[in-house]
Amino acid sequence: MISLYEDHVKKLERKRTMLSEQAKHMLNIDTSFEDSVGTIFDFISNPYSLWANGDFENKRLVLKLAFAQQVTFDRETGFGTAQYSLPFKVMKDLSNGNSAMVEPSGVEPLTS
């Protein structure tokens, strides 16, 4: 019984060492301003491309930038309707022509 516990402790120690090495590499991620802004502009220009060609972190970023809240899921009904983030709401309103712009003639009555 003691040897089983010792083997289990050794496995846990190896796993802890491996995870701490992985954590050290995670701290070396480049988060410079230029790279971050470039990623955001890539997302705005073509969100699907970032989703389809990106890694797991890029896919998480797409979800965070595209939706205002976490997408809901129910076992019986499936996925719920998601709330879009502000950039997508603005683009939707612009494409539908739902802008609240002043008419070309203006708001003042004509004086002539």
PDB file of N, CA and C in Angstrom:
ATOM      1  N   MET A   1       0.818  -1.181   0.000  1.00  0.00           N
ATOM      2  CA  MET A   1       0.000   0.000   0.000  1.00  0.00           C
ATOM      3  C   MET A   1       0.871   1.258   0.000  1.00  0.00           C
ATOM      4  N   ILE A   2       1.943   1.220   0.764  1.00  0.00           N
ATOM      5  CA  ILE A   2       2.841   2.366   0.829  1.00  0.00           C
ATOM      6  C   ILE A   2       3.476   2.628  -0.528  1.00  0.00           C
ATOM      7  N   SER A   3       3.847   1.567  -1.245  1.00  0.00           N
ATOM      8  CA  SER A   3       4.475   1.748  -2.554  1.00  0.00           C
ATOM      9  C   SER A   3       3.487   2.370  -3.554  1.00  0.00           C
ATOM     10  N   LEU A   4       2.201   2.034  -3.443  1.00  0.00           N
ATOM     11  CA  LEU A   4       1.199   2.650  -4.316  1.00  0.00           C
ATOM     12  C   LEU A   4       1.101   4.158  -4.053  1.00  0.00           C
ATOM     13  N   TYR A   5       1.087   4.537  -2.802  1.00  0.00           N
ATOM     14  CA  TYR A   5       1.048   5.960  -2.455  1.00  0.00           C
ATOM     15  C   TYR A   5       2.307   6.683  -2.941  1.00  0.00           C
ATOM     16  N   GLU A   6       3.455   6.043  -2.794  1.00  0.00           N
ATOM     17  CA  GLU A   6       4.698   6.664  -3.246  1.00  0.00           C
ATOM     18  C   GLU A   6       4.698   6.845  -4.761  1.00  0.00           C
ATOM     19  N   ASP A   7       4.197   5.840  -5.494  1.00  0.00           N
ATOM     20  CA  ASP A   7       4.096   5.970  -6.952  1.00  0.00           C
ATOM     21  C   ASP A   7       3.148   7.104  -7.338  1.00  0.00           C
ATOM     22  N   HIS A   8       2.053   7.189  -6.635  1.00  0.00           N
ATOM     23  CA  HIS A   8       1.078   8.247  -6.922  1.00  0.00           C
ATOM     24  C   HIS A   8       1.676   9.629  -6.632  1.00  0.00           C
ATOM     25  N   VAL A   9       2.412   9.751  -5.557  1.00  0.00           N
ATOM     26  CA  VAL A   9       3.064  11.013  -5.216  1.00  0.00           C
ATOM     27  C   VAL A   9       4.097  11.377  -6.283  1.00  0.00           C
ATOM     28  N   LYS A  10       4.843  10.398  -6.784  1.00  0.00           N
ATOM     29  CA  LYS A  10       5.831  10.658  -7.834  1.00  0.00           C
ATOM     30  C   LYS A  10       5.150  11.150  -9.115  1.00  0.00           C
ATOM     31  N   LYS A  11       4.016  10.534  -9.472  1.00  0.00           N
ATOM     32  CA  LYS A  11       3.273  10.969 -10.658  1.00  0.00           C
ATOM     33  C   LYS A  11       2.778  12.403 -10.495  1.00  0.00           C
ATOM     34  N   LEU A  12       2.279  12.705  -9.301  1.00  0.00           N
ATOM     35  CA  LEU A  12       1.797  14.059  -9.046  1.00  0.00           C
ATOM     36  C   LEU A  12       2.938  15.078  -9.093  1.00  0.00           C
ATOM     37  N   GLU A  13       4.107  14.693  -8.592  1.00  0.00           N
ATOM     38  CA  GLU A  13       5.267  15.583  -8.637  1.00  0.00           C
ATOM     39  C   GLU A  13       5.684  15.851 -10.079  1.00  0.00           C
ATOM     40  N   ARG A  14       5.685  14.813 -10.927  1.00  0.00           N
ATOM     41  CA  ARG A  14       6.031  15.009 -12.337  1.00  0.00           C
ATOM     42  C   ARG A  14       5.012  15.923 -13.023  1.00  0.00           C
ATOM     43  N   LYS A  15       3.746  15.718 -12.692  1.00  0.00           N
ATOM     44  CA  LYS A  15       2.706  16.549 -13.294  1.00  0.00           C
ATOM     45  C   LYS A  15       2.844  17.997 -12.836  1.00  0.00           C
ATOM     46  N   ARG A  16       3.144  18.210 -11.565  1.00  0.00           N
ATOM     47  CA  ARG A  16       3.334  19.558 -11.041  1.00  0.00           C
ATOM     48  C   ARG A  16       4.510  20.236 -11.723  1.00  0.00           C
ATOM     49  N   THR A  17       5.599  19.518 -11.913  1.00  0.00           N
ATOM     50  CA  THR A  17       6.772  20.073 -12.580  1.00  0.00           C
ATOM     51  C   THR A  17       6.441  20.452 -14.019  1.00  0.00           C
ATOM     52  N   MET A  18       5.718  19.577 -14.706  1.00  0.00           N
ATOM     53  CA  MET A  18       5.335  19.840 -16.089  1.00  0.00           C
ATOM     54  C   MET A  18       4.427  21.074 -16.183  1.00  0.00           C
ATOM     55  N   LEU A  19       3.465  21.185 -15.288  1.00  0.00           N
ATOM     56  CA  LEU A  19       2.547  22.324 -15.303  1.00  0.00           C
ATOM     57  C   LEU A  19       3.255  23.629 -14.955  1.00  0.00           C
ATOM     58  N   SER A  20       4.202  23.579 -14.050  1.00  0.00           N
ATOM     59  CA  SER A  20       4.927  24.804 -13.709  1.00  0.00           C
ATOM     60  C   SER A  20       5.796  25.255 -14.887  1.00  0.00           C
ATOM     61  N   GLU A  21       6.353  24.319 -15.660  1.00  0.00           N
ATOM     62  CA  GLU A  21       7.107  24.677 -16.860  1.00  0.00           C
ATOM     63  C   GLU A  21       6.192  25.303 -17.902  1.00  0.00           C
ATOM     64  N   GLN A  22       5.008  24.754 -18.062  1.00  0.00           N
ATOM     65  CA  GLN A  22       4.047  25.321 -19.005  1.00  0.00           C
ATOM     66  C   GLN A  22       3.629  26.723 -18.571  1.00  0.00           C
ATOM     67  N   ALA A  23       3.470  26.928 -17.275  1.00  0.00           N
ATOM     68  CA  ALA A  23       3.084  28.244 -16.764  1.00  0.00           C
ATOM     69  C   ALA A  23       4.176  29.277 -17.032  1.00  0.00           C
ATOM     70  N   LYS A  24       5.436  28.881 -16.956  1.00  0.00           N
ATOM     71  CA  LYS A  24       6.533  29.805 -17.245  1.00  0.00           C
ATOM     72  C   LYS A  24       6.472  30.254 -18.702  1.00  0.00           C
ATOM     73  N   HIS A  25       6.137  29.338 -19.612  1.00  0.00           N
ATOM     74  CA  HIS A  25       6.053  29.692 -21.029  1.00  0.00           C
ATOM     75  C   HIS A  25       4.855  30.588 -21.306  1.00  0.00           C
ATOM     76  N   MET A  26       3.807  30.457 -20.520  1.00  0.00           N
ATOM     77  CA  MET A  26       2.628  31.290 -20.725  1.00  0.00           C
ATOM     78  C   MET A  26       2.909  32.743 -20.374  1.00  0.00           C
ATOM     79  N   LEU A  27       3.822  32.997 -19.474  1.00  0.00           N
ATOM     80  CA  LEU A  27       4.156  34.361 -19.088  1.00  0.00           C
ATOM     81  C   LEU A  27       4.937  35.086 -20.182  1.00  0.00           C
ATOM     82  N   ASN A  28       5.496  34.345 -21.129  1.00  0.00           N
ATOM     83  CA  ASN A  28       6.299  34.933 -22.185  1.00  0.00           C
ATOM     84  C   ASN A  28       5.484  35.285 -23.430  1.00  0.00           C
ATOM     85  N   ILE A  29       4.175  35.372 -23.323  1.00  0.00           N
ATOM     86  CA  ILE A  29       3.330  35.711 -24.460  1.00  0.00           C
ATOM     87  C   ILE A  29       3.501  37.184 -24.782  1.00  0.00           C
ATOM     88  N   ASP A  30       3.669  37.487 -26.073  1.00  0.00           N
ATOM     89  CA  ASP A  30       3.859  38.875 -26.500  1.00  0.00           C
ATOM     90  C   ASP A  30       2.523  39.589 -26.507  1.00  0.00           C
ATOM     91  N   THR A  31       2.394  40.591 -25.672  1.00  0.00           N
ATOM     92  CA  THR A  31       1.146  41.359 -25.598  1.00  0.00           C
ATOM     93  C   THR A  31       1.434  42.827 -25.878  1.00  0.00           C
ATOM     94  N   SER A  32       2.261  43.086 -26.885  1.00  0.00           N
ATOM     95  CA  SER A  32       2.577  44.466 -27.207  1.00  0.00           C
ATOM     96  C   SER A  32       1.346  45.152 -27.799  1.00  0.00           C
ATOM     97  N   PHE A  33       1.317  46.457 -27.689  1.00  0.00           N
ATOM     98  CA  PHE A  33       0.182  47.248 -28.144  1.00  0.00           C
ATOM     99  C   PHE A  33      -0.035  47.073 -29.647  1.00  0.00           C
ATOM    100  N   GLU A  34       1.043  47.078 -30.420  1.00  0.00           N
ATOM    101  CA  GLU A  34       0.925  46.971 -31.874  1.00  0.00           C
ATOM    102  C   GLU A  34       0.308  45.636 -32.286  1.00  0.00           C
ATOM    103  N   ASP A  35       0.749  44.548 -31.657  1.00  0.00           N
ATOM    104  CA  ASP A  35       0.195  43.239 -31.987  1.00  0.00           C
ATOM    105  C   ASP A  35      -1.268  43.147 -31.587  1.00  0.00           C
ATOM    106  N   SER A  36      -1.610  43.716 -30.440  1.00  0.00           N
ATOM    107  CA  SER A  36      -2.995  43.673 -29.986  1.00  0.00           C
ATOM    108  C   SER A  36      -3.910  44.453 -30.911  1.00  0.00           C
ATOM    109  N   VAL A  37      -3.489  45.649 -31.300  1.00  0.00           N
ATOM    110  CA  VAL A  37      -4.294  46.468 -32.201  1.00  0.00           C
ATOM    111  C   VAL A  37      -4.402  45.794 -33.565  1.00  0.00           C
ATOM    112  N   GLY A  38      -3.313  45.189 -34.024  1.00  0.00           N
ATOM    113  CA  GLY A  38      -3.348  44.472 -35.302  1.00  0.00           C
ATOM    114  C   GLY A  38      -4.340  43.327 -35.268  1.00  0.00           C
ATOM    115  N   THR A  39      -4.392  42.598 -34.169  1.00  0.00           N
ATOM    116  CA  THR A  39      -5.348  41.503 -34.035  1.00  0.00           C
ATOM    117  C   THR A  39      -6.779  42.022 -34.039  1.00  0.00           C
ATOM    118  N   ILE A  40      -7.023  43.128 -33.372  1.00  0.00           N
ATOM    119  CA  ILE A  40      -8.363  43.705 -33.346  1.00  0.00           C
ATOM    120  C   ILE A  40      -8.788  44.136 -34.742  1.00  0.00           C
ATOM    121  N   PHE A  41      -7.890  44.798 -35.488  1.00  0.00           N
ATOM    122  CA  PHE A  41      -8.238  45.212 -36.847  1.00  0.00           C
ATOM    123  C   PHE A  41      -8.442  44.010 -37.766  1.00  0.00           C
ATOM    124  N   ASP A  42      -7.667  42.947 -37.568  1.00  0.00           N
ATOM    125  CA  ASP A  42      -7.902  41.716 -38.333  1.00  0.00           C
ATOM    126  C   ASP A  42      -9.286  41.169 -38.034  1.00  0.00           C
ATOM    127  N   PHE A  43      -9.670  41.229 -36.772  1.00  0.00           N
ATOM    128  CA  PHE A  43     -10.994  40.732 -36.379  1.00  0.00           C
ATOM    129  C   PHE A  43     -12.095  41.568 -37.020  1.00  0.00           C
ATOM    130  N   ILE A  44     -11.971  42.886 -36.966  1.00  0.00           N
ATOM    131  CA  ILE A  44     -13.014  43.746 -37.511  1.00  0.00           C
ATOM    132  C   ILE A  44     -13.127  43.570 -39.022  1.00  0.00           C
ATOM    133  N   SER A  45     -11.998  43.413 -39.702  1.00  0.00           N
ATOM    134  CA  SER A  45     -12.050  43.278 -41.155  1.00  0.00           C
ATOM    135  C   SER A  45     -12.629  41.940 -41.586  1.00  0.00           C
ATOM    136  N   ASN A  46     -12.335  40.859 -40.864  1.00  0.00           N
ATOM    137  CA  ASN A  46     -12.852  39.547 -41.250  1.00  0.00           C
ATOM    138  C   ASN A  46     -12.876  38.622 -40.032  1.00  0.00           C
ATOM    139  N   PRO A  47     -13.964  38.644 -39.250  1.00  0.00           N
ATOM    140  CA  PRO A  47     -14.013  37.818 -38.041  1.00  0.00           C
ATOM    141  C   PRO A  47     -13.954  36.320 -38.343  1.00  0.00           C
ATOM    142  N   TYR A  48     -14.555  35.905 -39.452  1.00  0.00           N
ATOM    143  CA  TYR A  48     -14.563  34.479 -39.760  1.00  0.00           C
ATOM    144  C   TYR A  48     -13.161  33.960 -40.033  1.00  0.00           C
ATOM    145  N   SER A  49     -12.337  34.756 -40.683  1.00  0.00           N
ATOM    146  CA  SER A  49     -10.971  34.331 -40.972  1.00  0.00           C
ATOM    147  C   SER A  49     -10.196  34.088 -39.681  1.00  0.00           C
ATOM    148  N   LEU A  50     -10.355  34.985 -38.718  1.00  0.00           N
ATOM    149  CA  LEU A  50      -9.677  34.799 -37.435  1.00  0.00           C
ATOM    150  C   LEU A  50     -10.204  33.560 -36.721  1.00  0.00           C
ATOM    151  N   TRP A  51     -11.499  33.279 -36.868  1.00  0.00           N
ATOM    152  CA  TRP A  51     -12.097  32.091 -36.260  1.00  0.00           C
ATOM    153  C   TRP A  51     -11.602  30.820 -36.953  1.00  0.00           C
ATOM    154  N   ALA A  52     -11.640  30.800 -38.282  1.00  0.00           N
ATOM    155  CA  ALA A  52     -11.316  29.588 -39.030  1.00  0.00           C
ATOM    156  C   ALA A  52      -9.823  29.263 -39.005  1.00  0.00           C
ATOM    157  N   ASN A  53      -8.980  30.281 -39.047  1.00  0.00           N
ATOM    158  CA  ASN A  53      -7.542  30.045 -39.149  1.00  0.00           C
ATOM    159  C   ASN A  53      -6.799  30.235 -37.832  1.00  0.00           C
ATOM    160  N   GLY A  54      -7.510  30.638 -36.793  1.00  0.00           N
ATOM    161  CA  GLY A  54      -6.850  30.929 -35.532  1.00  0.00           C
ATOM    162  C   GLY A  54      -6.740  29.714 -34.626  1.00  0.00           C
ATOM    163  N   ASP A  55      -5.927  29.867 -33.600  1.00  0.00           N
ATOM    164  CA  ASP A  55      -5.804  28.812 -32.596  1.00  0.00           C
ATOM    165  C   ASP A  55      -6.915  28.990 -31.556  1.00  0.00           C
ATOM    166  N   PHE A  56      -6.842  28.221 -30.498  1.00  0.00           N
ATOM    167  CA  PHE A  56      -7.887  28.232 -29.472  1.00  0.00           C
ATOM    168  C   PHE A  56      -8.041  29.618 -28.840  1.00  0.00           C
ATOM    169  N   GLU A  57      -6.930  30.283 -28.585  1.00  0.00           N
ATOM    170  CA  GLU A  57      -6.980  31.608 -27.975  1.00  0.00           C
ATOM    171  C   GLU A  57      -7.648  32.619 -28.907  1.00  0.00           C
ATOM    172  N   ASN A  58      -7.377  32.529 -30.202  1.00  0.00           N
ATOM    173  CA  ASN A  58      -8.018  33.438 -31.150  1.00  0.00           C
ATOM    174  C   ASN A  58      -9.522  33.181 -31.221  1.00  0.00           C
ATOM    175  N   LYS A  59      -9.932  31.935 -31.121  1.00  0.00           N
ATOM    176  CA  LYS A  59     -11.360  31.618 -31.143  1.00  0.00           C
ATOM    177  C   LYS A  59     -12.048  32.166 -29.890  1.00  0.00           C
ATOM    178  N   ARG A  60     -11.387  32.082 -28.749  1.00  0.00           N
ATOM    179  CA  ARG A  60     -11.948  32.675 -27.531  1.00  0.00           C
ATOM    180  C   ARG A  60     -12.048  34.183 -27.669  1.00  0.00           C
ATOM    181  N   LEU A  61     -11.042  34.792 -28.304  1.00  0.00           N
ATOM    182  CA  LEU A  61     -11.059  36.230 -28.518  1.00  0.00           C
ATOM    183  C   LEU A  61     -12.222  36.627 -29.424  1.00  0.00           C
ATOM    184  N   VAL A  62     -12.467  35.852 -30.480  1.00  0.00           N
ATOM    185  CA  VAL A  62     -13.584  36.146 -31.379  1.00  0.00           C
ATOM    186  C   VAL A  62     -14.900  36.106 -30.619  1.00  0.00           C
ATOM    187  N   LEU A  63     -15.087  35.114 -29.772  1.00  0.00           N
ATOM    188  CA  LEU A  63     -16.324  35.031 -28.990  1.00  0.00           C
ATOM    189  C   LEU A  63     -16.470  36.218 -28.050  1.00  0.00           C
ATOM    190  N   LYS A  64     -15.371  36.623 -27.424  1.00  0.00           N
ATOM    191  CA  LYS A  64     -15.442  37.757 -26.494  1.00  0.00           C
ATOM    192  C   LYS A  64     -15.730  39.064 -27.221  1.00  0.00           C
ATOM    193  N   LEU A  65     -15.182  39.226 -28.429  1.00  0.00           N
ATOM    194  CA  LEU A  65     -15.376  40.465 -29.163  1.00  0.00           C
ATOM    195  C   LEU A  65     -16.707  40.510 -29.909  1.00  0.00           C
ATOM    196  N   ALA A  66     -17.232  39.369 -30.281  1.00  0.00           N
ATOM    197  CA  ALA A  66     -18.456  39.344 -31.088  1.00  0.00           C
ATOM    198  C   ALA A  66     -19.719  39.403 -30.241  1.00  0.00           C
ATOM    199  N   PHE A  67     -19.680  38.872 -29.045  1.00  0.00           N
ATOM    200  CA  PHE A  67     -20.883  38.791 -28.226  1.00  0.00           C
ATOM    201  C   PHE A  67     -20.711  39.586 -26.935  1.00  0.00           C
ATOM    202  N   ALA A  68     -21.777  40.295 -26.549  1.00  0.00           N
ATOM    203  CA  ALA A  68     -21.725  41.120 -25.340  1.00  0.00           C
ATOM    204  C   ALA A  68     -21.749  40.263 -24.079  1.00  0.00           C
ATOM    205  N   GLN A  69     -22.431  39.118 -24.152  1.00  0.00           N
ATOM    206  CA  GLN A  69     -22.523  38.210 -23.012  1.00  0.00           C
ATOM    207  C   GLN A  69     -22.189  36.809 -23.482  1.00  0.00           C
ATOM    208  N   GLN A  70     -22.015  35.919 -22.521  1.00  0.00           N
ATOM    209  CA  GLN A  70     -21.734  34.533 -22.844  1.00  0.00           C
ATOM    210  C   GLN A  70     -22.955  33.926 -23.537  1.00  0.00           C
ATOM    211  N   VAL A  71     -22.725  33.123 -24.571  1.00  0.00           N
ATOM    212  CA  VAL A  71     -23.812  32.488 -25.297  1.00  0.00           C
ATOM    213  C   VAL A  71     -24.453  31.448 -24.380  1.00  0.00           C
ATOM    214  N   THR A  72     -25.783  31.512 -24.248  1.00  0.00           N
ATOM    215  CA  THR A  72     -26.478  30.594 -23.356  1.00  0.00           C
ATOM    216  C   THR A  72     -26.742  29.272 -24.056  1.00  0.00           C
ATOM    217  N   PHE A  73     -26.766  28.211 -23.273  1.00  0.00           N
ATOM    218  CA  PHE A  73     -27.040  26.883 -23.804  1.00  0.00           C
ATOM    219  C   PHE A  73     -27.951  26.148 -22.835  1.00  0.00           C
ATOM    220  N   ASP A  74     -28.987  25.501 -23.386  1.00  0.00           N
ATOM    221  CA  ASP A  74     -29.912  24.700 -22.605  1.00  0.00           C
ATOM    222  C   ASP A  74     -29.944  23.313 -23.223  1.00  0.00           C
ATOM    223  N   ARG A  75     -29.932  22.287 -22.412  1.00  0.00           N
ATOM    224  CA  ARG A  75     -29.903  20.922 -22.933  1.00  0.00           C
ATOM    225  C   ARG A  75     -31.132  20.586 -23.763  1.00  0.00           C
ATOM    226  N   GLU A  76     -32.259  21.166 -23.420  1.00  0.00           N
ATOM    227  CA  GLU A  76     -33.495  20.853 -24.127  1.00  0.00           C
ATOM    228  C   GLU A  76     -33.684  21.694 -25.391  1.00  0.00           C
ATOM    229  N   THR A  77     -33.373  22.974 -25.306  1.00  0.00           N
ATOM    230  CA  THR A  77     -33.638  23.868 -26.437  1.00  0.00           C
ATOM    231  C   THR A  77     -32.404  24.198 -27.258  1.00  0.00           C
ATOM    232  N   GLY A  78     -31.214  23.925 -26.755  1.00  0.00           N
ATOM    233  CA  GLY A  78     -29.988  24.222 -27.486  1.00  0.00           C
ATOM    234  C   GLY A  78     -29.476  25.607 -27.173  1.00  0.00           C
ATOM    235  N   PHE A  79     -28.800  26.211 -28.133  1.00  0.00           N
ATOM    236  CA  PHE A  79     -28.212  27.531 -27.936  1.00  0.00           C
ATOM    237  C   PHE A  79     -29.283  28.605 -28.002  1.00  0.00           C
ATOM    238  N   GLY A  80     -29.128  29.616 -27.175  1.00  0.00           N
ATOM    239  CA  GLY A  80     -30.051  30.745 -27.162  1.00  0.00           C
ATOM    240  C   GLY A  80     -29.570  31.844 -28.089  1.00  0.00           C
ATOM    241  N   THR A  81     -30.369  32.873 -28.225  1.00  0.00           N
ATOM    242  CA  THR A  81     -30.007  34.019 -29.052  1.00  0.00           C
ATOM    243  C   THR A  81     -28.974  34.859 -28.317  1.00  0.00           C
ATOM    244  N   ALA A  82     -27.886  35.140 -28.975  1.00  0.00           N
ATOM    245  CA  ALA A  82     -26.800  35.878 -28.354  1.00  0.00           C
ATOM    246  C   ALA A  82     -26.980  37.372 -28.562  1.00  0.00           C
ATOM    247  N   GLN A  83     -26.498  38.141 -27.611  1.00  0.00           N
ATOM    248  CA  GLN A  83     -26.489  39.594 -27.719  1.00  0.00           C
ATOM    249  C   GLN A  83     -25.175  40.009 -28.374  1.00  0.00           C
ATOM    250  N   TYR A  84     -25.272  40.724 -29.495  1.00  0.00           N
ATOM    251  CA  TYR A  84     -24.064  41.158 -30.190  1.00  0.00           C
ATOM    252  C   TYR A  84     -23.367  42.267 -29.422  1.00  0.00           C
ATOM    253  N   SER A  85     -22.055  42.377 -29.641  1.00  0.00           N
ATOM    254  CA  SER A  85     -21.300  43.470 -29.034  1.00  0.00           C
ATOM    255  C   SER A  85     -21.559  44.762 -29.808  1.00  0.00           C
ATOM    256  N   LEU A  86     -21.117  45.865 -29.243  1.00  0.00           N
ATOM    257  CA  LEU A  86     -21.407  47.186 -29.808  1.00  0.00           C
ATOM    258  C   LEU A  86     -20.969  47.344 -31.268  1.00  0.00           C
ATOM    259  N   PRO A  87     -19.761  46.934 -31.662  1.00  0.00           N
ATOM    260  CA  PRO A  87     -19.391  47.124 -33.071  1.00  0.00           C
ATOM    261  C   PRO A  87     -20.349  46.421 -34.038  1.00  0.00           C
ATOM    262  N   PHE A  88     -20.817  45.245 -33.678  1.00  0.00           N
ATOM    263  CA  PHE A  88     -21.728  44.524 -34.567  1.00  0.00           C
ATOM    264  C   PHE A  88     -23.116  45.148 -34.575  1.00  0.00           C
ATOM    265  N   LYS A  89     -23.546  45.699 -33.456  1.00  0.00           N
ATOM    266  CA  LYS A  89     -24.836  46.407 -33.428  1.00  0.00           C
ATOM    267  C   LYS A  89     -24.793  47.629 -34.333  1.00  0.00           C
ATOM    268  N   VAL A  90     -23.688  48.372 -34.272  1.00  0.00           N
ATOM    269  CA  VAL A  90     -23.543  49.563 -35.101  1.00  0.00           C
ATOM    270  C   VAL A  90     -23.510  49.185 -36.575  1.00  0.00           C
ATOM    271  N   MET A  91     -22.741  48.157 -36.924  1.00  0.00           N
ATOM    272  CA  MET A  91     -22.667  47.727 -38.327  1.00  0.00           C
ATOM    273  C   MET A  91     -24.018  47.237 -38.827  1.00  0.00           C
ATOM    274  N   LYS A  92     -24.778  46.562 -37.972  1.00  0.00           N
ATOM    275  CA  LYS A  92     -26.102  46.078 -38.367  1.00  0.00           C
ATOM    276  C   LYS A  92     -27.035  47.252 -38.643  1.00  0.00           C
ATOM    277  N   ASP A  93     -27.015  48.250 -37.761  1.00  0.00           N
ATOM    278  CA  ASP A  93     -27.863  49.422 -37.954  1.00  0.00           C
ATOM    279  C   ASP A  93     -27.476  50.189 -39.210  1.00  0.00           C
ATOM    280  N   LEU A  94     -26.185  50.296 -39.489  1.00  0.00           N
ATOM    281  CA  LEU A  94     -25.746  51.006 -40.681  1.00  0.00           C
ATOM    282  C   LEU A  94     -26.146  50.262 -41.951  1.00  0.00           C
ATOM    283  N   SER A  95     -26.063  48.944 -41.934  1.00  0.00           N
ATOM    284  CA  SER A  95     -26.407  48.179 -43.131  1.00  0.00           C
ATOM    285  C   SER A  95     -27.913  48.145 -43.367  1.00  0.00           C
ATOM    286  N   ASN A  96     -28.715  48.266 -42.312  1.00  0.00           N
ATOM    287  CA  ASN A  96     -30.169  48.269 -42.455  1.00  0.00           C
ATOM    288  C   ASN A  96     -30.719  49.653 -42.778  1.00  0.00           C
ATOM    289  N   GLY A  97     -29.906  50.662 -42.710  1.00  0.00           N
ATOM    290  CA  GLY A  97     -30.377  52.015 -42.952  1.00  0.00           C
ATOM    291  C   GLY A  97     -31.159  52.571 -41.784  1.00  0.00           C
ATOM    292  N   ASN A  98     -30.944  52.070 -40.595  1.00  0.00           N
ATOM    293  CA  ASN A  98     -31.666  52.524 -39.403  1.00  0.00           C
ATOM    294  C   ASN A  98     -30.932  53.662 -38.705  1.00  0.00           C
ATOM    295  N   SER A  99     -30.300  54.526 -39.464  1.00  0.00           N
ATOM    296  CA  SER A  99     -29.584  55.614 -38.808  1.00  0.00           C
ATOM    297  C   SER A  99     -30.565  56.733 -38.473  1.00  0.00           C
ATOM    298  N   ALA A 100     -30.272  57.450 -37.453  1.00  0.00           N
ATOM    299  CA  ALA A 100     -31.141  58.535 -36.997  1.00  0.00           C
ATOM    300  C   ALA A 100     -30.551  59.873 -37.426  1.00  0.00           C
ATOM    301  N   MET A 101     -30.171  59.966 -38.669  1.00  0.00           N
ATOM    302  CA  MET A 101     -29.568  61.191 -39.189  1.00  0.00           C
ATOM    303  C   MET A 101     -30.653  62.215 -39.506  1.00  0.00           C
ATOM    304  N   VAL A 102     -30.294  63.470 -39.456  1.00  0.00           N
ATOM    305  CA  VAL A 102     -31.203  64.559 -39.789  1.00  0.00           C
ATOM    306  C   VAL A 102     -31.436  64.547 -41.292  1.00  0.00           C
ATOM    307  N   GLU A 103     -32.633  64.850 -41.691  1.00  0.00           N
ATOM    308  CA  GLU A 103     -32.958  64.902 -43.114  1.00  0.00           C
ATOM    309  C   GLU A 103     -32.084  65.940 -43.805  1.00  0.00           C
ATOM    310  N   PRO A 104     -31.826  65.775 -45.105  1.00  0.00           N
ATOM    311  CA  PRO A 104     -30.952  66.708 -45.797  1.00  0.00           C
ATOM    312  C   PRO A 104     -31.430  68.160 -45.749  1.00  0.00           C
ATOM    313  N   SER A 105     -32.740  68.389 -45.649  1.00  0.00           N
ATOM    314  CA  SER A 105     -33.230  69.768 -45.613  1.00  0.00           C
ATOM    315  C   SER A 105     -33.001  70.417 -44.247  1.00  0.00           C
ATOM    316  N   GLY A 106     -32.699  69.660 -43.228  1.00  0.00           N
ATOM    317  CA  GLY A 106     -32.439  70.217 -41.915  1.00  0.00           C
ATOM    318  C   GLY A 106     -33.668  70.204 -41.042  1.00  0.00           C
ATOM    319  N   VAL A 107     -33.539  70.760 -39.844  1.00  0.00           N
ATOM    320  CA  VAL A 107     -34.640  70.752 -38.897  1.00  0.00           C
ATOM    321  C   VAL A 107     -35.336  72.118 -38.814  1.00  0.00           C
ATOM    322  N   GLU A 108     -34.709  73.158 -39.344  1.00  0.00           N
ATOM    323  CA  GLU A 108     -35.321  74.479 -39.313  1.00  0.00           C
ATOM    324  C   GLU A 108     -36.290  74.638 -40.485  1.00  0.00           C
ATOM    325  N   PRO A 109     -37.368  75.373 -40.301  1.00  0.00           N
ATOM    326  CA  PRO A 109     -38.285  75.596 -41.420  1.00  0.00           C
ATOM    327  C   PRO A 109     -37.630  76.496 -42.475  1.00  0.00           C
ATOM    328  N   LEU A 110     -38.049  76.304 -43.715  1.00  0.00           N
ATOM    329  CA  LEU A 110     -37.520  77.119 -44.798  1.00  0.00           C
ATOM    330  C   LEU A 110     -38.002  78.554 -44.647  1.00  0.00           C
ATOM    331  N   THR A 111     -37.143  79.507 -44.896  1.00  0.00           N
ATOM    332  CA  THR A 111     -37.511  80.931 -44.763  1.00  0.00           C
ATOM    333  C   THR A 111     -37.807  81.588 -46.094  1.00  0.00           C
ATOM    334  N   SER A 112     -37.611  80.907 -47.194  1.00  0.00           N
ATOM    335  CA  SER A 112     -37.833  81.552 -48.490  1.00  0.00           C
ATOM    336  C   SER A 112     -39.220  81.342 -49.033  1.00  0.00           C
TER     337      SER A 112
END
